[in-house]
């Protein structure tokens, strides 16, 4: 399914200060990121977008790119009027690569959660043919479960999980302790998945993609993300 919105392939960017990632519009398919024999899959390394596995969906070119943030090379994302997403299609089973870790630096924000969030799409044991895609458009890889990980406005929401049918929203933390500083976080995706959808068979569940979604329509701010990694 495609609702007419463009999907974009991200090509490697030359490493100079404040580089905007070069985009190549394409209508063809794209490669998947595959886990290596050691069980590690570098979704977003600290250098740059590495290959055609990375795509963008409705992303303005001036709202994301690479720069240095206190000695770390990282992807920066700025929110604007509309939602957009960067994502990488993956070929990984949930129980083979259950741990997701990353580093991020979030600027102050107004709202219930920071507009820069992580998204993980799954193909479950309940999935027949195709699955569904989110309202961002038909260019996301086929999935029938969607988990969003965000930073909340208050620490009291830390660790809370909200389920809405086939989608769920998890607050990894909250409050000022995660703002204006580099922070390393990690989640056990297998544990979160089984907590959210206990009716599914985790041995048959696949991780379809991992993305970074940016919420539009909120007060302007930005986030930096690097070293996004799947491990066993």
C-alpha atoms as a PDB file:
ATOM      1  CA  UNK A   1       0.000   0.000   0.000  1.00  0.00           C
ATOM      2  CA  UNK A   2       1.236   3.485  -0.796  1.00  0.00           C
ATOM      3  CA  UNK A   3      -0.731   6.660  -0.106  1.00  0.00           C
ATOM      4  CA  UNK A   4       1.406   8.835  -2.366  1.00  0.00           C
ATOM      5  CA  UNK A   5       3.950   9.990   0.215  1.00  0.00           C
ATOM      6  CA  UNK A   6       7.567   9.752  -0.761  1.00  0.00           C
ATOM      7  CA  UNK A   7      10.076   7.396   0.744  1.00  0.00           C
ATOM      8  CA  UNK A   8      13.734   8.353   0.530  1.00  0.00           C
ATOM      9  CA  UNK A   9      16.978   6.412   0.625  1.00  0.00           C
ATOM     10  CA  UNK A  10      19.750   7.879   2.781  1.00  0.00           C
ATOM     11  CA  UNK A  11      23.230   7.796   1.282  1.00  0.00           C
ATOM     12  CA  UNK A  12      26.507   8.108   3.218  1.00  0.00           C
ATOM     13  CA  UNK A  13      27.355  11.703   4.070  1.00  0.00           C
ATOM     14  CA  UNK A  14      30.867  13.195   4.004  1.00  0.00           C
ATOM     15  CA  UNK A  15      32.020  13.725   7.560  1.00  0.00           C
ATOM     16  CA  UNK A  16      32.284  17.499   8.027  1.00  0.00           C
ATOM     17  CA  UNK A  17      30.690  19.647  10.737  1.00  0.00           C
ATOM     18  CA  UNK A  18      26.913  20.032  10.501  1.00  0.00           C
ATOM     19  CA  UNK A  19      26.495  17.872   7.426  1.00  0.00           C
ATOM     20  CA  UNK A  20      22.982  17.426   6.089  1.00  0.00           C
ATOM     21  CA  UNK A  21      22.555  13.847   4.952  1.00  0.00           C
ATOM     22  CA  UNK A  22      22.362  13.595   1.163  1.00  0.00           C
ATOM     23  CA  UNK A  23      19.089  12.154  -0.077  1.00  0.00           C
ATOM     24  CA  UNK A  24      18.403  10.035  -3.130  1.00  0.00           C
ATOM     25  CA  UNK A  25      14.763   9.743  -4.182  1.00  0.00           C
ATOM     26  CA  UNK A  26      13.960   6.250  -5.342  1.00  0.00           C
ATOM     27  CA  UNK A  27      10.997   4.040  -6.116  1.00  0.00           C
ATOM     28  CA  UNK A  28      12.836   0.722  -5.966  1.00  0.00           C
ATOM     29  CA  UNK A  29      13.194  -1.677  -3.032  1.00  0.00           C
ATOM     30  CA  UNK A  30      15.773  -1.375  -0.307  1.00  0.00           C
ATOM     31  CA  UNK A  31      18.123  -3.675   1.536  1.00  0.00           C
ATOM     32  CA  UNK A  32      17.597  -5.027   5.033  1.00  0.00           C
ATOM     33  CA  UNK A  33      20.054  -4.811   7.907  1.00  0.00           C
ATOM     34  CA  UNK A  34      21.003  -8.357   8.892  1.00  0.00           C
ATOM     35  CA  UNK A  35      22.353  -9.468  12.265  1.00  0.00           C
ATOM     36  CA  UNK A  36      25.891 -10.880  12.180  1.00  0.00           C
ATOM     37  CA  UNK A  37      26.955 -14.256  13.579  1.00  0.00           C
ATOM     38  CA  UNK A  38      27.963 -12.625  16.869  1.00  0.00           C
ATOM     39  CA  UNK A  39      24.379 -11.427  17.367  1.00  0.00           C
ATOM     40  CA  UNK A  40      25.128  -7.709  17.032  1.00  0.00           C
ATOM     41  CA  UNK A  41      23.376  -5.378  14.625  1.00  0.00           C
ATOM     42  CA  UNK A  42      24.543  -1.755  14.507  1.00  0.00           C
ATOM     43  CA  UNK A  43      21.335   0.038  13.558  1.00  0.00           C
ATOM     44  CA  UNK A  44      22.819   3.525  13.818  1.00  0.00           C
ATOM     45  CA  UNK A  45      26.606   3.705  14.252  1.00  0.00           C
ATOM     46  CA  UNK A  46      28.358   6.828  15.488  1.00  0.00           C
ATOM     47  CA  UNK A  47      29.762   7.760  12.044  1.00  0.00           C
ATOM     48  CA  UNK A  48      26.947   8.255   9.516  1.00  0.00           C
ATOM     49  CA  UNK A  49      24.149   6.483   7.719  1.00  0.00           C
ATOM     50  CA  UNK A  50      25.997   3.491   6.320  1.00  0.00           C
ATOM     51  CA  UNK A  51      23.903   2.083   3.491  1.00  0.00           C
ATOM     52  CA  UNK A  52      20.598   1.939   1.696  1.00  0.00           C
ATOM     53  CA  UNK A  53      18.945   0.129   4.612  1.00  0.00           C
ATOM     54  CA  UNK A  54      18.149   3.580   6.053  1.00  0.00           C
ATOM     55  CA  UNK A  55      15.114   5.362   4.647  1.00  0.00           C
ATOM     56  CA  UNK A  56      13.228   8.536   5.438  1.00  0.00           C
ATOM     57  CA  UNK A  57       9.499   9.121   5.373  1.00  0.00           C
ATOM     58  CA  UNK A  58       8.171  12.672   4.939  1.00  0.00           C
ATOM     59  CA  UNK A  59      11.408  14.046   6.452  1.00  0.00           C
ATOM     60  CA  UNK A  60      12.367  17.653   5.542  1.00  0.00           C
ATOM     61  CA  UNK A  61      16.044  17.745   4.580  1.00  0.00           C
ATOM     62  CA  UNK A  62      16.787  20.686   6.878  1.00  0.00           C
ATOM     63  CA  UNK A  63      15.427  18.976  10.002  1.00  0.00           C
ATOM     64  CA  UNK A  64      17.959  16.161  10.411  1.00  0.00           C
ATOM     65  CA  UNK A  65      21.635  15.410   9.750  1.00  0.00           C
ATOM     66  CA  UNK A  66      24.925  14.783  11.526  1.00  0.00           C
ATOM     67  CA  UNK A  67      26.912  17.060  13.810  1.00  0.00           C
ATOM     68  CA  UNK A  68      29.074  16.979  16.948  1.00  0.00           C
ATOM     69  CA  UNK A  69      27.477  17.204  20.379  1.00  0.00           C
ATOM     70  CA  UNK A  70      29.996  17.455  23.219  1.00  0.00           C
ATOM     71  CA  UNK A  71      32.523  15.206  21.512  1.00  0.00           C
ATOM     72  CA  UNK A  72      30.089  12.677  20.042  1.00  0.00           C
ATOM     73  CA  UNK A  73      29.152  12.393  16.394  1.00  0.00           C
ATOM     74  CA  UNK A  74      25.384  11.929  16.359  1.00  0.00           C
ATOM     75  CA  UNK A  75      22.259  12.189  14.268  1.00  0.00           C
ATOM     76  CA  UNK A  76      20.302  15.324  15.145  1.00  0.00           C
ATOM     77  CA  UNK A  77      16.561  15.623  14.605  1.00  0.00           C
ATOM     78  CA  UNK A  78      14.484  18.787  14.854  1.00  0.00           C
ATOM     79  CA  UNK A  79      10.696  18.766  15.075  1.00  0.00           C
ATOM     80  CA  UNK A  80       8.523  20.959  12.875  1.00  0.00           C
ATOM     81  CA  UNK A  81       4.924  21.266  11.763  1.00  0.00           C
ATOM     82  CA  UNK A  82       4.480  17.679  10.545  1.00  0.00           C
ATOM     83  CA  UNK A  83       5.383  14.175  11.699  1.00  0.00           C
ATOM     84  CA  UNK A  84       8.309  12.449  10.010  1.00  0.00           C
ATOM     85  CA  UNK A  85      10.343   9.302  10.474  1.00  0.00           C
ATOM     86  CA  UNK A  86      13.695   7.741   9.670  1.00  0.00           C
ATOM     87  CA  UNK A  87      13.778   3.955   9.720  1.00  0.00           C
ATOM     88  CA  UNK A  88      15.877   0.934   8.914  1.00  0.00           C
ATOM     89  CA  UNK A  89      14.402  -2.339   7.741  1.00  0.00           C
ATOM     90  CA  UNK A  90      15.834  -5.296   9.654  1.00  0.00           C
ATOM     91  CA  UNK A  91      16.004  -9.071   9.411  1.00  0.00           C
ATOM     92  CA  UNK A  92      16.154 -10.199  13.018  1.00  0.00           C
ATOM     93  CA  UNK A  93      14.076 -12.459  15.221  1.00  0.00           C
ATOM     94  CA  UNK A  94      12.898 -11.076  18.541  1.00  0.00           C
ATOM     95  CA  UNK A  95      14.488 -13.737  20.739  1.00  0.00           C
ATOM     96  CA  UNK A  96      17.769 -13.749  18.792  1.00  0.00           C
ATOM     97  CA  UNK A  97      18.293  -9.992  19.204  1.00  0.00           C
ATOM     98  CA  UNK A  98      16.173  -8.943  22.184  1.00  0.00           C
ATOM     99  CA  UNK A  99      18.236  -6.042  23.576  1.00  0.00           C
ATOM    100  CA  UNK A 100      18.118  -2.540  22.107  1.00  0.00           C
ATOM    101  CA  UNK A 101      20.562   0.078  23.400  1.00  0.00           C
ATOM    102  CA  UNK A 102      21.372   3.652  22.365  1.00  0.00           C
ATOM    103  CA  UNK A 103      22.746   6.998  23.470  1.00  0.00           C
ATOM    104  CA  UNK A 104      20.772  10.205  23.171  1.00  0.00           C
ATOM    105  CA  UNK A 105      20.905  13.857  24.114  1.00  0.00           C
ATOM    106  CA  UNK A 106      17.511  15.542  24.460  1.00  0.00           C
ATOM    107  CA  UNK A 107      16.887  19.273  24.606  1.00  0.00           C
ATOM    108  CA  UNK A 108      14.186  20.767  26.868  1.00  0.00           C
ATOM    109  CA  UNK A 109      10.641  20.312  25.571  1.00  0.00           C
ATOM    110  CA  UNK A 110       7.023  21.206  26.267  1.00  0.00           C
ATOM    111  CA  UNK A 111       4.406  18.467  26.252  1.00  0.00           C
ATOM    112  CA  UNK A 112       3.738  15.043  27.727  1.00  0.00           C
ATOM    113  CA  UNK A 113       6.801  13.519  26.026  1.00  0.00           C
ATOM    114  CA  UNK A 114       9.799  14.546  23.916  1.00  0.00           C
ATOM    115  CA  UNK A 115       8.944  14.704  20.198  1.00  0.00           C
ATOM    116  CA  UNK A 116      11.997  12.575  19.234  1.00  0.00           C
ATOM    117  CA  UNK A 117      11.103   8.918  19.867  1.00  0.00           C
ATOM    118  CA  UNK A 118      12.199   5.426  18.899  1.00  0.00           C
ATOM    119  CA  UNK A 119       9.819   3.114  17.035  1.00  0.00           C
ATOM    120  CA  UNK A 120      10.069  -0.650  16.575  1.00  0.00           C
ATOM    121  CA  UNK A 121       7.849  -2.516  14.144  1.00  0.00           C
ATOM    122  CA  UNK A 122       7.230  -6.247  14.613  1.00  0.00           C
ATOM    123  CA  UNK A 123       5.755  -9.040  12.531  1.00  0.00           C
ATOM    124  CA  UNK A 124       3.985 -11.246  15.044  1.00  0.00           C
ATOM    125  CA  UNK A 125       2.949 -14.888  15.110  1.00  0.00           C
ATOM    126  CA  UNK A 126      -0.581 -13.604  14.419  1.00  0.00           C
ATOM    127  CA  UNK A 127       0.478 -11.941  11.173  1.00  0.00           C
ATOM    128  CA  UNK A 128      -0.931 -13.438   8.000  1.00  0.00           C
ATOM    129  CA  UNK A 129      -0.022 -11.786   4.729  1.00  0.00           C
ATOM    130  CA  UNK A 130       1.156  -8.225   4.642  1.00  0.00           C
ATOM    131  CA  UNK A 131       0.188  -6.819   8.017  1.00  0.00           C
ATOM    132  CA  UNK A 132      -0.633  -3.154   8.446  1.00  0.00           C
ATOM    133  CA  UNK A 133       1.388   0.026   8.319  1.00  0.00           C
ATOM    134  CA  UNK A 134       1.114   3.190  10.388  1.00  0.00           C
ATOM    135  CA  UNK A 135      -0.632   6.356   9.260  1.00  0.00           C
ATOM    136  CA  UNK A 136       2.711   7.765   8.141  1.00  0.00           C
ATOM    137  CA  UNK A 137       2.198   5.872   4.882  1.00  0.00           C
ATOM    138  CA  UNK A 138       2.667   2.651   3.006  1.00  0.00           C
ATOM    139  CA  UNK A 139       6.451   2.883   2.678  1.00  0.00           C
ATOM    140  CA  UNK A 140       7.109   1.446   6.140  1.00  0.00           C
ATOM    141  CA  UNK A 141       8.023  -2.242   6.126  1.00  0.00           C
ATOM    142  CA  UNK A 142       5.066  -4.548   6.741  1.00  0.00           C
ATOM    143  CA  UNK A 143       4.318  -4.957  10.447  1.00  0.00           C
ATOM    144  CA  UNK A 144       1.368  -5.731  12.720  1.00  0.00           C
ATOM    145  CA  UNK A 145       2.731  -4.558  16.087  1.00  0.00           C
ATOM    146  CA  UNK A 146       4.299  -1.155  16.811  1.00  0.00           C
ATOM    147  CA  UNK A 147       6.208  -0.146  19.958  1.00  0.00           C
ATOM    148  CA  UNK A 148       7.154   3.490  20.607  1.00  0.00           C
ATOM    149  CA  UNK A 149       9.800   4.383  23.209  1.00  0.00           C
ATOM    150  CA  UNK A 150       9.820   7.949  24.517  1.00  0.00           C
ATOM    151  CA  UNK A 151      11.043  10.242  27.296  1.00  0.00           C
ATOM    152  CA  UNK A 152       8.190  11.551  29.490  1.00  0.00           C
ATOM    153  CA  UNK A 153       7.723  14.989  31.016  1.00  0.00           C
ATOM    154  CA  UNK A 154       7.711  13.620  34.575  1.00  0.00           C
ATOM    155  CA  UNK A 155       9.754  10.949  36.324  1.00  0.00           C
ATOM    156  CA  UNK A 156       6.555   9.398  37.685  1.00  0.00           C
ATOM    157  CA  UNK A 157       5.781   8.028  34.208  1.00  0.00           C
ATOM    158  CA  UNK A 158       9.123   6.234  33.954  1.00  0.00           C
ATOM    159  CA  UNK A 159       8.637   2.553  33.146  1.00  0.00           C
ATOM    160  CA  UNK A 160       4.949   2.906  32.319  1.00  0.00           C
ATOM    161  CA  UNK A 161       3.485   1.114  29.303  1.00  0.00           C
ATOM    162  CA  UNK A 162       0.309   2.116  27.468  1.00  0.00           C
ATOM    163  CA  UNK A 163      -1.251  -0.315  25.017  1.00  0.00           C
ATOM    164  CA  UNK A 164      -3.735   0.594  22.293  1.00  0.00           C
ATOM    165  CA  UNK A 165      -4.534  -2.583  20.380  1.00  0.00           C
ATOM    166  CA  UNK A 166      -1.670  -3.297  17.992  1.00  0.00           C
ATOM    167  CA  UNK A 167       0.425  -0.362  19.195  1.00  0.00           C
ATOM    168  CA  UNK A 168       2.044   0.471  22.525  1.00  0.00           C
ATOM    169  CA  UNK A 169       3.817   3.464  24.073  1.00  0.00           C
ATOM    170  CA  UNK A 170       6.619   2.885  26.601  1.00  0.00           C
ATOM    171  CA  UNK A 171       8.257   5.616  28.703  1.00  0.00           C
ATOM    172  CA  UNK A 172      11.882   4.629  29.294  1.00  0.00           C
ATOM    173  CA  UNK A 173      12.323   7.554  31.691  1.00  0.00           C
ATOM    174  CA  UNK A 174      11.079  11.021  32.478  1.00  0.00           C
ATOM    175  CA  UNK A 175      11.793  14.389  34.001  1.00  0.00           C
ATOM    176  CA  UNK A 176      14.770  16.707  33.939  1.00  0.00           C
ATOM    177  CA  UNK A 177      17.323  13.964  34.695  1.00  0.00           C
ATOM    178  CA  UNK A 178      17.369  13.025  31.006  1.00  0.00           C
ATOM    179  CA  UNK A 179      17.571  16.535  29.579  1.00  0.00           C
ATOM    180  CA  UNK A 180      20.648  18.472  28.403  1.00  0.00           C
ATOM    181  CA  UNK A 181      23.030  15.579  28.959  1.00  0.00           C
ATOM    182  CA  UNK A 182      24.207  12.459  27.162  1.00  0.00           C
ATOM    183  CA  UNK A 183      22.330   9.452  28.443  1.00  0.00           C
ATOM    184  CA  UNK A 184      22.687   5.752  27.619  1.00  0.00           C
ATOM    185  CA  UNK A 185      19.522   3.638  27.726  1.00  0.00           C
ATOM    186  CA  UNK A 186      18.622   0.036  26.934  1.00  0.00           C
ATOM    187  CA  UNK A 187      15.478  -2.084  26.835  1.00  0.00           C
ATOM    188  CA  UNK A 188      14.729  -5.793  26.684  1.00  0.00           C
ATOM    189  CA  UNK A 189      12.417  -5.857  23.669  1.00  0.00           C
ATOM    190  CA  UNK A 190      11.447  -9.483  24.240  1.00  0.00           C
ATOM    191  CA  UNK A 191      10.297  -8.734  27.789  1.00  0.00           C
ATOM    192  CA  UNK A 192       8.382  -5.614  26.730  1.00  0.00           C
ATOM    193  CA  UNK A 193       6.783  -7.463  23.836  1.00  0.00           C
ATOM    194  CA  UNK A 194       5.591 -10.377  25.973  1.00  0.00           C
ATOM    195  CA  UNK A 195       4.306  -7.943  28.598  1.00  0.00           C
ATOM    196  CA  UNK A 196       2.320  -6.088  25.917  1.00  0.00           C
ATOM    197  CA  UNK A 197       1.110  -8.912  23.667  1.00  0.00           C
ATOM    198  CA  UNK A 198       1.136 -12.098  25.811  1.00  0.00           C
ATOM    199  CA  UNK A 199      -1.094 -13.869  23.294  1.00  0.00           C
ATOM    200  CA  UNK A 200       1.716 -13.905  20.686  1.00  0.00           C
ATOM    201  CA  UNK A 201       4.398 -16.563  20.284  1.00  0.00           C
ATOM    202  CA  UNK A 202       7.730 -14.705  20.713  1.00  0.00           C
ATOM    203  CA  UNK A 203       9.655 -17.496  18.972  1.00  0.00           C
ATOM    204  CA  UNK A 204       7.835 -16.614  15.738  1.00  0.00           C
ATOM    205  CA  UNK A 205       8.062 -12.828  16.098  1.00  0.00           C
ATOM    206  CA  UNK A 206      10.380 -10.798  13.863  1.00  0.00           C
ATOM    207  CA  UNK A 207      11.736  -7.269  14.227  1.00  0.00           C
ATOM    208  CA  UNK A 208      10.627  -5.690  10.946  1.00  0.00           C
ATOM    209  CA  UNK A 209      12.227  -2.266  11.372  1.00  0.00           C
ATOM    210  CA  UNK A 210      13.673   0.182  13.877  1.00  0.00           C
ATOM    211  CA  UNK A 211      13.015   3.860  13.411  1.00  0.00           C
ATOM    212  CA  UNK A 212      13.296   7.329  14.880  1.00  0.00           C
ATOM    213  CA  UNK A 213       9.979   9.163  14.736  1.00  0.00           C
ATOM    214  CA  UNK A 214       9.618  12.909  15.252  1.00  0.00           C
ATOM    215  CA  UNK A 215       6.298  14.350  16.349  1.00  0.00           C
ATOM    216  CA  UNK A 216       5.124  17.478  14.562  1.00  0.00           C
ATOM    217  CA  UNK A 217       3.083  20.361  15.898  1.00  0.00           C
ATOM    218  CA  UNK A 218       4.943  20.685  19.205  1.00  0.00           C
ATOM    219  CA  UNK A 219       7.160  23.499  20.489  1.00  0.00           C
ATOM    220  CA  UNK A 220      10.420  23.406  18.527  1.00  0.00           C
ATOM    221  CA  UNK A 221      13.255  21.424  20.089  1.00  0.00           C
ATOM    222  CA  UNK A 222      15.780  18.787  19.037  1.00  0.00           C
ATOM    223  CA  UNK A 223      17.346  15.487  19.996  1.00  0.00           C
ATOM    224  CA  UNK A 224      20.614  13.707  19.166  1.00  0.00           C
ATOM    225  CA  UNK A 225      20.900   9.902  18.855  1.00  0.00           C
ATOM    226  CA  UNK A 226      23.884   7.625  18.252  1.00  0.00           C
ATOM    227  CA  UNK A 227      25.134   4.068  18.856  1.00  0.00           C
ATOM    228  CA  UNK A 228      21.738   2.449  18.305  1.00  0.00           C
ATOM    229  CA  UNK A 229      22.427  -1.265  18.619  1.00  0.00           C
ATOM    230  CA  UNK A 230      20.566  -4.596  18.665  1.00  0.00           C
ATOM    231  CA  UNK A 231      22.232  -7.444  20.580  1.00  0.00           C
ATOM    232  CA  UNK A 232      21.387 -10.885  21.922  1.00  0.00           C
END
